[in-house]
Amino acid sequence: MQVSTSLLFDRASVQMSNIQNDLAKSQAQISAQKQVLNPSDAPDQASTITRLKSMIGKQDSYQATLDAAQARLDTESTTLSNAGDILIRMKELTIQANNGSNGASTRTVIATEMQGLRDQLMSLANSTDSSGSYIFSGSRLHSPAFTTDSTGAVSYQGDQTQMQVAVGDHRKLSINRPGTQAFVSVVRSGADGVSTGTGFFTAIDELITGVKSGNGTVMQRGLNEMSALHQGVVLAQANGGTDMKAIEQQGAALDETKLSLKSALSGVEDLDMPSAITKMQKQLLSLEAAQASFAKVSQMSLFAYLK
């Protein structure tokens, strides 16, 4: 069998080129600390990596939604807490005003303070979240929950929609409370025995008018109704607390899911550095041997080989 110098040269050249390519790949993997650098290197593994990253991204999206819902409910809770404090103060003032020894001037001072508190309640009822959406308007996020007409009457302009957002593949949570569930109406029984509902702010406005005029009957009725109004606010705040607890629990569940997914991703994506370094060192030794062999072959002639 005749062996040409050219054949030996080609074989040595191909061997050294293959070793250099393998070494370059190992160096790139170590630099990136990843097993797969290009999808074509391991299509199945690359597909698994893409799928796991997509699932992690979805969990991140759910977490962002949870964070926004938490912020909204925090704002709602603070608002209702402030409203509850105001209602307690208004009840105290009503008790004070209902004292028969008070004169007109004293009742006027009390009514003036109550009017200021009432206006604060109106402002709280029309609170907005960080994005400027009204928190008590149901799904009508860009409309104030309560408005006042030309006669001074207040009415609810939102709807009764309790919005929900997806916070998991199979779970949704509520993120709001319609204004009428927080700033509730009171029920009054008429002379004919027929019960009617009176709006939150209407009841307060009538109470303030009763304080100004010294109407004991209206003030006594107002005292009872203030308790009902306060109870409505407290109940809404308690329901909000339940929603926040659900958000906390779902956040913990998302964290566990993400941890599991990241662990799985690490298993198929991250490089075993000690093994990779050992492999690269072997490739370096192989390359040095191939280069030495190639140097000898490149200096040979067919005559020297046959000799």
Protein backbone atom coordinates (compact mmCIF):
# COMPACT_ATOMS: atom_id res chain seq x y z
CA MET A 1 0.00 0.00 0.00
CA GLN A 2 1.37 3.36 -0.99
CA VAL A 3 1.00 6.17 1.50
CA SER A 4 1.60 9.67 0.21
CA THR A 5 2.91 12.58 2.22
CA SER A 6 -0.21 14.46 1.16
CA LEU A 7 -2.50 11.86 2.75
CA LEU A 8 -0.58 11.94 6.01
CA PHE A 9 -0.67 15.73 5.97
CA ASP A 10 -4.42 15.80 5.36
CA ARG A 11 -5.12 13.30 8.12
CA ALA A 12 -3.00 15.23 10.61
CA SER A 13 -4.61 18.49 9.55
CA VAL A 14 -8.15 17.14 9.97
CA GLN A 15 -7.34 15.61 13.37
CA MET A 16 -5.85 18.85 14.66
CA SER A 17 -8.77 20.88 13.29
CA ASN A 18 -11.30 18.60 15.04
CA ILE A 19 -9.43 18.88 18.33
CA GLN A 20 -9.28 22.68 17.98
CA ASN A 21 -13.03 22.84 17.31
CA ASP A 22 -13.79 20.66 20.34
CA LEU A 23 -11.48 22.77 22.48
CA ALA A 24 -13.07 26.01 21.27
CA LYS A 25 -16.51 24.62 22.12
CA SER A 26 -15.36 23.60 25.60
CA GLN A 27 -13.83 27.02 26.20
CA ALA A 28 -17.05 28.73 25.05
CA GLN A 29 -19.14 26.47 27.32
CA ILE A 30 -16.91 27.25 30.30
CA SER A 31 -17.05 30.96 29.55
CA ALA A 32 -20.86 30.91 29.35
CA GLN A 33 -21.18 28.20 32.05
CA LYS A 34 -23.84 26.59 29.84
CA GLN A 35 -24.12 23.14 28.33
CA VAL A 36 -25.90 24.23 25.13
CA LEU A 37 -24.60 27.24 23.23
CA ASN A 38 -26.59 26.79 20.01
CA PRO A 39 -29.94 24.97 19.59
CA SER A 40 -28.45 22.93 16.76
CA ASP A 41 -25.90 21.44 19.16
CA ALA A 42 -28.62 19.55 21.10
CA PRO A 43 -32.14 20.21 19.70
CA ASP A 44 -34.04 18.21 22.35
CA GLN A 45 -32.12 19.76 25.22
CA ALA A 46 -32.49 23.23 23.72
CA SER A 47 -36.25 22.68 23.38
CA THR A 48 -36.48 21.70 27.05
CA ILE A 49 -34.50 24.79 28.07
CA THR A 50 -36.80 27.05 26.02
CA ARG A 51 -39.90 25.45 27.52
CA LEU A 52 -38.64 25.80 31.10
CA LYS A 53 -37.64 29.43 30.56
CA SER A 54 -41.10 30.16 29.15
CA MET A 55 -42.72 28.61 32.22
CA ILE A 56 -40.50 30.65 34.54
CA GLY A 57 -41.39 33.79 32.59
CA LYS A 58 -45.09 33.03 33.08
CA GLN A 59 -44.55 32.70 36.84
CA ASP A 60 -42.76 36.07 36.83
CA SER A 61 -45.77 37.57 35.04
CA TYR A 62 -48.12 36.13 37.65
CA GLN A 63 -45.90 37.56 40.40
CA ALA A 64 -46.02 41.02 38.80
CA THR A 65 -49.81 40.79 38.75
CA LEU A 66 -49.81 39.75 42.40
CA ASP A 67 -47.59 42.69 43.33
CA ALA A 68 -49.95 45.11 41.57
CA ALA A 69 -52.97 43.54 43.28
CA GLN A 70 -51.22 43.72 46.65
CA ALA A 71 -50.46 47.41 46.17
CA ARG A 72 -54.08 48.10 45.21
CA LEU A 73 -55.46 46.23 48.21
CA ASP A 74 -52.96 47.99 50.49
CA THR A 75 -54.30 51.33 49.26
CA GLU A 76 -57.86 50.12 49.80
CA SER A 77 -57.08 48.94 53.34
CA THR A 78 -55.45 52.23 54.30
CA THR A 79 -58.36 54.17 52.82
CA LEU A 80 -60.97 52.15 54.71
CA SER A 81 -59.00 52.39 57.94
CA ASN A 82 -58.97 56.18 57.63
CA ALA A 83 -62.67 56.19 56.78
CA GLY A 84 -63.41 54.11 59.87
CA ASP A 85 -61.53 56.56 62.09
CA ILE A 86 -63.50 59.46 60.63
CA LEU A 87 -66.83 57.75 61.24
CA ILE A 88 -65.89 57.12 64.87
CA ARG A 89 -65.07 60.79 65.26
CA MET A 90 -68.35 61.82 63.63
CA LYS A 91 -70.26 59.59 66.04
CA GLU A 92 -68.46 61.22 68.96
CA LEU A 93 -69.39 64.64 67.64
CA THR A 94 -73.02 63.58 67.20
CA ILE A 95 -73.18 62.43 70.81
CA GLN A 96 -71.71 65.75 71.84
CA ALA A 97 -74.17 67.70 69.70
CA ASN A 98 -77.15 65.71 71.01
CA ASN A 99 -76.53 67.08 74.50
CA GLY A 100 -79.53 69.30 75.26
CA SER A 101 -77.36 71.92 76.96
CA ASN A 102 -75.67 72.92 73.67
CA GLY A 103 -76.67 76.19 72.11
CA ALA A 104 -76.96 76.98 68.40
CA SER A 105 -73.42 78.36 68.19
CA THR A 106 -71.92 75.20 69.68
CA ARG A 107 -73.90 72.99 67.33
CA THR A 108 -72.74 75.10 64.38
CA VAL A 109 -69.11 74.56 65.35
CA ILE A 110 -69.72 70.82 65.67
CA ALA A 111 -71.58 70.69 62.35
CA THR A 112 -68.74 72.55 60.65
CA GLU A 113 -66.22 69.96 61.85
CA MET A 114 -68.56 67.17 60.77
CA GLN A 115 -68.88 68.76 57.32
CA GLY A 116 -65.11 68.77 56.98
CA LEU A 117 -64.97 65.11 57.99
CA ARG A 118 -67.74 64.30 55.54
CA ASP A 119 -65.73 65.93 52.73
CA GLN A 120 -62.72 63.83 53.74
CA LEU A 121 -64.88 60.73 53.46
CA MET A 122 -65.93 61.79 49.96
CA SER A 123 -62.29 62.18 49.01
CA LEU A 124 -61.44 58.76 50.45
CA ALA A 125 -64.34 57.13 48.61
CA ASN A 126 -62.89 58.52 45.38
CA SER A 127 -59.33 57.37 46.10
CA THR A 128 -57.15 56.15 43.23
CA ASP A 129 -54.36 53.61 43.05
CA SER A 130 -50.81 54.21 41.80
CA SER A 131 -51.98 54.04 38.17
CA GLY A 132 -54.70 56.63 38.72
CA SER A 133 -57.60 54.14 38.64
CA TYR A 134 -60.47 54.69 41.06
CA ILE A 135 -60.41 51.82 43.55
CA PHE A 136 -64.10 51.83 44.50
CA SER A 137 -65.68 52.24 41.04
CA GLY A 138 -65.91 48.58 40.14
CA SER A 139 -64.82 48.13 36.53
CA ARG A 140 -65.29 51.84 35.73
CA LEU A 141 -61.71 52.56 36.66
CA HIS A 142 -61.55 56.01 35.11
CA SER A 143 -64.74 57.41 36.66
CA PRO A 144 -65.05 58.68 40.25
CA ALA A 145 -67.00 56.27 42.43
CA PHE A 146 -69.23 58.99 43.92
CA THR A 147 -70.33 62.28 42.37
CA THR A 148 -72.41 65.22 43.56
CA ASP A 149 -75.14 66.71 41.37
CA SER A 150 -76.32 70.31 41.21
CA THR A 151 -78.64 69.80 44.19
CA GLY A 152 -75.84 68.47 46.37
CA ALA A 153 -77.10 64.88 46.25
CA VAL A 154 -74.39 62.20 46.10
CA SER A 155 -74.80 59.08 43.99
CA TYR A 156 -72.66 56.06 43.17
CA GLN A 157 -71.38 56.13 39.59
CA GLY A 158 -69.41 52.91 39.58
CA ASP A 159 -70.75 49.43 38.90
CA GLN A 160 -70.94 46.26 40.98
CA THR A 161 -68.21 44.39 39.10
CA GLN A 162 -65.68 42.66 41.31
CA MET A 163 -62.67 42.35 39.03
CA GLN A 164 -60.43 39.28 39.05
CA VAL A 165 -56.94 38.74 37.70
CA ALA A 166 -55.11 35.54 36.80
CA VAL A 167 -52.38 34.79 39.34
CA GLY A 168 -51.76 31.18 38.35
CA ASP A 169 -52.52 28.74 35.56
CA HIS A 170 -55.79 27.82 37.22
CA ARG A 171 -56.38 30.57 39.78
CA LYS A 172 -57.86 34.06 39.82
CA LEU A 173 -58.14 36.53 42.70
CA SER A 174 -60.36 39.56 43.33
CA ILE A 175 -58.61 42.92 43.39
CA ASN A 176 -61.37 45.39 44.23
CA ARG A 177 -64.52 46.12 46.15
CA PRO A 178 -67.39 48.16 44.65
CA GLY A 179 -68.01 51.36 46.56
CA THR A 180 -71.45 50.30 47.70
CA GLN A 181 -69.88 47.33 49.52
CA ALA A 182 -67.68 49.65 51.55
CA PHE A 183 -69.68 52.86 51.83
CA VAL A 184 -72.96 51.09 52.44
CA SER A 185 -76.52 52.36 52.47
CA VAL A 186 -78.66 52.29 55.59
CA VAL A 187 -82.16 50.84 55.80
CA ARG A 188 -84.94 53.02 57.12
CA SER A 189 -88.48 51.96 57.94
CA GLY A 190 -91.16 54.42 56.89
CA ALA A 191 -94.41 55.23 58.66
CA ASP A 192 -96.19 52.78 56.35
CA GLY A 193 -93.78 50.03 57.39
CA VAL A 194 -92.01 50.01 54.04
CA SER A 195 -88.20 49.84 54.29
CA THR A 196 -86.08 51.99 52.00
CA GLY A 197 -82.37 52.33 51.46
CA THR A 198 -80.62 55.63 52.08
CA GLY A 199 -77.18 56.24 50.61
CA PHE A 200 -74.04 56.54 52.74
CA PHE A 201 -73.47 60.24 52.09
CA THR A 202 -77.18 61.10 52.14
CA ALA A 203 -77.43 59.69 55.65
CA ILE A 204 -74.40 61.72 56.76
CA ASP A 205 -75.64 64.93 55.12
CA GLU A 206 -79.02 64.60 56.82
CA LEU A 207 -77.29 64.02 60.15
CA ILE A 208 -75.20 67.18 59.74
CA THR A 209 -78.36 69.12 58.93
CA GLY A 210 -79.98 67.69 62.06
CA VAL A 211 -77.01 68.78 64.17
CA LYS A 212 -77.23 72.32 62.81
CA SER A 213 -80.95 72.57 63.56
CA GLY A 214 -80.75 70.77 66.89
CA ASN A 215 -83.21 68.08 65.76
CA GLY A 216 -82.85 65.43 68.45
CA THR A 217 -84.83 62.81 66.53
CA VAL A 218 -82.57 63.12 63.48
CA MET A 219 -79.46 63.09 65.64
CA GLN A 220 -80.56 59.93 67.47
CA ARG A 221 -81.35 58.23 64.20
CA GLY A 222 -77.98 59.39 62.88
CA LEU A 223 -76.18 57.84 65.85
CA ASN A 224 -77.67 54.46 65.05
CA GLU A 225 -76.93 54.83 61.38
CA MET A 226 -73.31 55.89 62.01
CA SER A 227 -72.78 52.54 63.71
CA ALA A 228 -74.15 50.77 60.63
CA LEU A 229 -71.97 52.85 58.31
CA HIS A 230 -68.91 52.13 60.39
CA GLN A 231 -69.71 48.42 60.46
CA GLY A 232 -69.92 48.43 56.66
CA VAL A 233 -66.46 49.95 56.36
CA VAL A 234 -65.00 47.52 58.91
CA LEU A 235 -66.51 44.53 57.10
CA ALA A 236 -65.12 45.71 53.76
CA GLN A 237 -61.68 46.08 55.33
CA ALA A 238 -61.93 42.56 56.77
CA ASN A 239 -62.84 41.17 53.36
CA GLY A 240 -59.87 43.00 51.90
CA GLY A 241 -57.68 41.37 54.53
CA THR A 242 -58.92 37.97 53.37
CA ASP A 243 -58.00 38.87 49.79
CA MET A 244 -54.53 39.97 50.88
CA LYS A 245 -54.03 36.69 52.72
CA ALA A 246 -54.93 34.83 49.54
CA ILE A 247 -52.38 36.91 47.64
CA GLU A 248 -49.72 36.09 50.22
CA GLN A 249 -50.45 32.37 49.95
CA GLN A 250 -50.44 32.46 46.15
CA GLY A 251 -47.12 34.33 46.20
CA ALA A 252 -45.61 31.55 48.31
CA ALA A 253 -46.97 28.96 45.86
CA LEU A 254 -45.44 30.85 42.92
CA ASP A 255 -42.09 30.98 44.70
CA GLU A 256 -42.12 27.21 45.18
CA THR A 257 -43.04 26.63 41.55
CA LYS A 258 -40.31 28.96 40.31
CA LEU A 259 -37.74 27.29 42.54
CA SER A 260 -38.69 23.89 41.13
CA LEU A 261 -38.55 25.15 37.54
CA LYS A 262 -35.21 26.87 38.05
CA SER A 263 -33.79 23.70 39.56
CA ALA A 264 -34.95 21.72 36.52
CA LEU A 265 -33.53 24.36 34.19
CA SER A 266 -30.20 24.30 35.97
CA GLY A 267 -30.04 20.54 35.49
CA VAL A 268 -30.34 20.76 31.69
CA GLU A 269 -28.68 24.12 31.09
CA ASP A 270 -25.88 24.73 33.59
CA LEU A 271 -22.45 23.30 32.95
CA ASP A 272 -20.68 20.90 35.35
CA MET A 273 -17.63 23.12 35.71
CA PRO A 274 -15.17 20.61 37.27
CA SER A 275 -15.94 18.01 34.59
CA ALA A 276 -15.80 20.62 31.84
CA ILE A 277 -12.40 21.92 33.00
CA THR A 278 -11.01 18.38 33.18
CA LYS A 279 -12.29 17.72 29.66
CA MET A 280 -10.73 20.93 28.36
CA GLN A 281 -7.38 20.07 29.90
CA LYS A 282 -7.45 16.69 28.13
CA GLN A 283 -8.28 18.46 24.88
CA LEU A 284 -5.33 20.80 25.36
CA LEU A 285 -3.00 17.83 25.81
CA SER A 286 -4.46 16.19 22.72
CA LEU A 287 -4.03 19.40 20.76
CA GLU A 288 -0.39 19.71 21.81
CA ALA A 289 0.26 16.12 20.73
CA ALA A 290 -1.53 16.68 17.43
CA GLN A 291 0.44 19.87 16.78
CA ALA A 292 3.72 18.08 17.46
CA SER A 293 2.70 15.26 15.14
CA PHE A 294 1.57 17.70 12.48
CA ALA A 295 4.90 19.54 12.66
CA LYS A 296 6.77 16.33 11.96
CA VAL A 297 4.48 15.31 9.10
CA SER A 298 4.71 18.72 7.49
CA GLN A 299 8.51 18.42 7.34
CA MET A 300 8.46 14.99 5.73
CA SER A 301 8.84 14.25 2.04
CA LEU A 302 7.75 11.09 0.33
CA PHE A 303 11.44 10.16 -0.19
CA ALA A 304 12.21 10.62 3.52
CA TYR A 305 9.13 8.61 4.45
CA LEU A 306 10.12 5.68 2.13
CA LYS A 307 13.70 5.85 3.39
